[in-house]
Amino acid sequence: MWTKWIKSAIHEASLLRLPDYPLSILDIGTGPGYLPLVCKTLGHRCIGLDRPQMFFAAMRKWTGTETVIHKIEPLKPLPAFRQPFDMVTTLRTPFNTVWAERRLFTIDEWSYLLDEIKKLLKPNGSFSLRMNRKYEYVGLVYGSPELMKLFEARGGSFEPSRAIRFAPLL
């Protein structure tokens, strides 16, 4: 079972086009920490960011993933870190779902989050995002013209893998 997810993390790491020199990476929505495990194996420093979950906490211990516990909420700041990152990633995470209100992030909430992520990056740092494909609630999803326009204005380029790469995030 775990091999499936490790293989997926190896594939995701290859899509990130990680260089041969070490990067500092923040993985938002790290879950069990498979992507940080792969990145560390490739020589990068990778920290996870995720909400508290007992099962994932045990898995992160197994993968050796240093994790900052934080729940992303609309218009709320991200935690501060001692040093900026070369890259921030978020792959298949549902943080843009506002569960209590049964809706997805608005343009203003996405814009705010991108501003917060930019604060975490070194100059010319990159941000790679892949949104979930399934959503139970209405709102801005991958392909929504208004959201794609925002991503493009912030430096986003659209990858065949349905990922959006901001290099750099504007």
Protein backbone atom coordinates (compact mmCIF):
# COMPACT_ATOMS: atom_id res chain seq x y z
CA MET A 1 0.00 0.00 0.00
CA TRP A 2 2.72 2.50 0.97
CA THR A 3 4.67 1.80 -2.21
CA LYS A 4 1.85 3.30 -4.28
CA TRP A 5 2.16 6.60 -2.40
CA ILE A 6 5.96 6.60 -2.40
CA LYS A 7 5.91 6.01 -6.18
CA SER A 8 3.43 8.89 -6.51
CA ALA A 9 5.72 11.15 -4.46
CA ILE A 10 8.69 10.20 -6.66
CA HIS A 11 6.62 11.11 -9.73
CA GLU A 12 5.54 14.42 -8.14
CA ALA A 13 9.14 15.24 -7.25
CA SER A 14 10.14 14.65 -10.88
CA LEU A 15 7.38 17.02 -12.04
CA LEU A 16 8.82 19.70 -9.74
CA ARG A 17 12.05 19.59 -11.78
CA LEU A 18 14.21 19.67 -8.68
CA PRO A 19 17.80 20.70 -9.40
CA ASP A 20 20.94 18.81 -8.36
CA TYR A 21 21.82 21.43 -5.73
CA PRO A 22 19.94 21.47 -2.41
CA LEU A 23 16.78 23.54 -2.02
CA SER A 24 14.76 24.48 1.03
CA ILE A 25 11.18 23.38 0.40
CA LEU A 26 7.91 23.85 2.28
CA ASP A 27 5.23 21.27 1.45
CA ILE A 28 1.75 22.57 2.36
CA GLY A 29 -0.72 19.80 3.10
CA THR A 30 2.10 17.32 3.55
CA GLY A 31 -0.15 14.53 4.85
CA PRO A 32 2.01 11.55 5.83
CA GLY A 33 5.15 13.26 4.49
CA TYR A 34 5.90 11.17 1.42
CA LEU A 35 6.98 14.12 -0.75
CA PRO A 36 9.33 15.50 1.95
CA LEU A 37 10.78 11.99 2.34
CA VAL A 38 11.56 11.82 -1.38
CA CYS A 39 12.91 15.38 -1.44
CA LYS A 40 15.18 14.68 1.55
CA THR A 41 16.43 11.52 -0.14
CA LEU A 42 17.36 13.70 -3.15
CA GLY A 43 19.36 16.05 -0.89
CA HIS A 44 16.85 18.83 -0.27
CA ARG A 45 15.67 20.26 3.05
CA CYS A 46 11.90 19.85 3.21
CA ILE A 47 9.47 20.81 5.94
CA GLY A 48 5.78 19.91 5.94
CA LEU A 49 2.86 22.08 6.94
CA ASP A 50 -0.44 20.42 7.81
CA ARG A 51 -3.32 20.48 10.23
CA PRO A 52 -3.21 18.20 13.26
CA GLN A 53 -4.19 14.63 12.40
CA MET A 54 -3.26 11.73 14.65
CA PHE A 55 -2.85 9.17 11.85
CA PHE A 56 -0.73 11.47 9.70
CA ALA A 57 1.32 12.49 12.76
CA ALA A 58 2.30 8.84 13.23
CA MET A 59 3.13 8.51 9.53
CA ARG A 60 5.20 11.71 9.56
CA LYS A 61 7.19 10.25 12.42
CA TRP A 62 7.84 7.17 10.27
CA THR A 63 8.86 9.28 7.25
CA GLY A 64 10.94 11.61 9.44
CA THR A 65 9.06 14.67 8.20
CA GLU A 66 9.49 17.79 10.29
CA THR A 67 6.03 19.36 10.31
CA VAL A 68 4.60 22.68 11.41
CA ILE A 69 1.01 22.24 12.54
CA HIS A 70 -1.26 24.87 11.03
CA LYS A 71 -4.72 24.90 9.51
CA ILE A 72 -5.09 27.13 6.45
CA GLU A 73 -8.18 29.29 6.70
CA PRO A 74 -9.49 32.10 4.49
CA LEU A 75 -7.75 35.43 5.06
CA LYS A 76 -5.64 34.09 7.95
CA PRO A 77 -1.84 34.47 7.91
CA LEU A 78 0.46 31.53 7.41
CA PRO A 79 2.96 30.81 10.20
CA ALA A 80 6.30 32.59 10.21
CA PHE A 81 9.46 30.60 9.53
CA ARG A 82 13.05 31.41 10.48
CA GLN A 83 14.24 31.38 6.88
CA PRO A 84 12.54 31.80 3.51
CA PHE A 85 12.14 28.85 1.14
CA ASP A 86 13.39 28.27 -2.39
CA MET A 87 10.16 26.46 -3.20
CA VAL A 88 6.69 25.99 -1.75
CA THR A 89 4.57 23.09 -2.96
CA THR A 90 0.98 22.05 -2.42
CA LEU A 91 -0.26 19.01 -4.28
CA ARG A 92 -3.82 17.63 -4.05
CA THR A 93 -4.67 19.49 -0.86
CA PRO A 94 -8.23 20.59 -0.05
CA PHE A 95 -7.24 23.69 1.96
CA ASN A 96 -9.32 25.89 -0.36
CA THR A 97 -12.50 24.26 0.92
CA VAL A 98 -14.31 26.27 3.59
CA TRP A 99 -16.08 23.29 5.15
CA ALA A 100 -18.24 25.19 7.65
CA GLU A 101 -19.67 27.39 4.90
CA ARG A 102 -19.83 24.58 2.30
CA ARG A 103 -17.92 26.59 -0.32
CA LEU A 104 -14.52 27.01 -1.99
CA PHE A 105 -12.09 29.95 -1.74
CA THR A 106 -13.06 33.20 -3.44
CA ILE A 107 -10.71 35.24 -5.64
CA ASP A 108 -9.90 37.52 -2.70
CA GLU A 109 -9.06 34.52 -0.51
CA TRP A 110 -6.84 33.00 -3.21
CA SER A 111 -5.10 36.34 -3.72
CA TYR A 112 -4.49 36.67 0.02
CA LEU A 113 -3.07 33.14 0.20
CA LEU A 114 -0.74 33.79 -2.74
CA ASP A 115 0.48 36.95 -0.95
CA GLU A 116 1.12 34.88 2.19
CA ILE A 117 3.02 32.23 0.23
CA LYS A 118 5.10 34.91 -1.48
CA LYS A 119 6.21 36.14 1.97
CA LEU A 120 7.62 32.65 2.63
CA LEU A 121 9.70 32.55 -0.56
CA LYS A 122 13.19 33.76 -1.30
CA PRO A 123 13.40 36.30 -4.14
CA ASN A 124 12.59 34.42 -7.36
CA GLY A 125 11.38 31.44 -5.33
CA SER A 126 8.83 29.15 -6.94
CA PHE A 127 5.42 27.86 -5.94
CA SER A 128 3.88 24.71 -7.39
CA LEU A 129 0.19 24.05 -6.92
CA ARG A 130 -2.03 21.19 -8.00
CA MET A 131 -5.65 21.51 -6.99
CA ASN A 132 -7.93 18.64 -6.07
CA ARG A 133 -10.07 17.33 -8.90
CA LYS A 134 -13.16 16.56 -6.85
CA TYR A 135 -15.08 19.08 -4.82
CA GLU A 136 -18.38 18.72 -3.05
CA TYR A 137 -19.04 22.45 -2.91
CA VAL A 138 -19.45 25.21 -5.46
CA GLY A 139 -16.86 27.84 -6.14
CA LEU A 140 -13.63 28.35 -8.01
CA VAL A 141 -12.09 25.09 -9.27
CA TYR A 142 -9.22 24.37 -11.64
CA GLY A 143 -10.28 25.76 -15.00
CA SER A 144 -12.53 28.51 -13.60
CA PRO A 145 -11.71 31.46 -15.92
CA GLU A 146 -11.55 34.00 -13.08
CA LEU A 147 -9.15 31.82 -11.07
CA MET A 148 -6.96 30.95 -14.07
CA LYS A 149 -6.72 34.67 -14.87
CA LEU A 150 -5.55 35.39 -11.31
CA PHE A 151 -2.96 32.61 -11.45
CA GLU A 152 -1.67 33.83 -14.80
CA ALA A 153 -1.43 37.43 -13.52
CA ARG A 154 0.60 36.16 -10.54
CA GLY A 155 3.12 34.37 -12.80
CA GLY A 156 1.43 30.99 -13.08
CA SER A 157 2.13 28.71 -16.00
CA PHE A 158 -0.11 25.72 -16.58
CA GLU A 159 1.54 22.31 -16.78
CA PRO A 160 0.17 19.25 -18.62
CA SER A 161 -0.11 17.53 -15.22
CA ARG A 162 -2.79 20.09 -14.23
CA ALA A 163 -0.26 21.76 -11.96
CA ILE A 164 0.28 25.49 -11.89
CA ARG A 165 3.88 26.58 -11.50
CA PHE A 166 4.72 30.09 -10.33
CA ALA A 167 8.41 30.67 -11.05
CA PRO A 168 8.60 33.22 -9.61
CA LEU A 169 5.37 33.95 -7.77
CA LEU A 170 4.45 37.56 -8.54
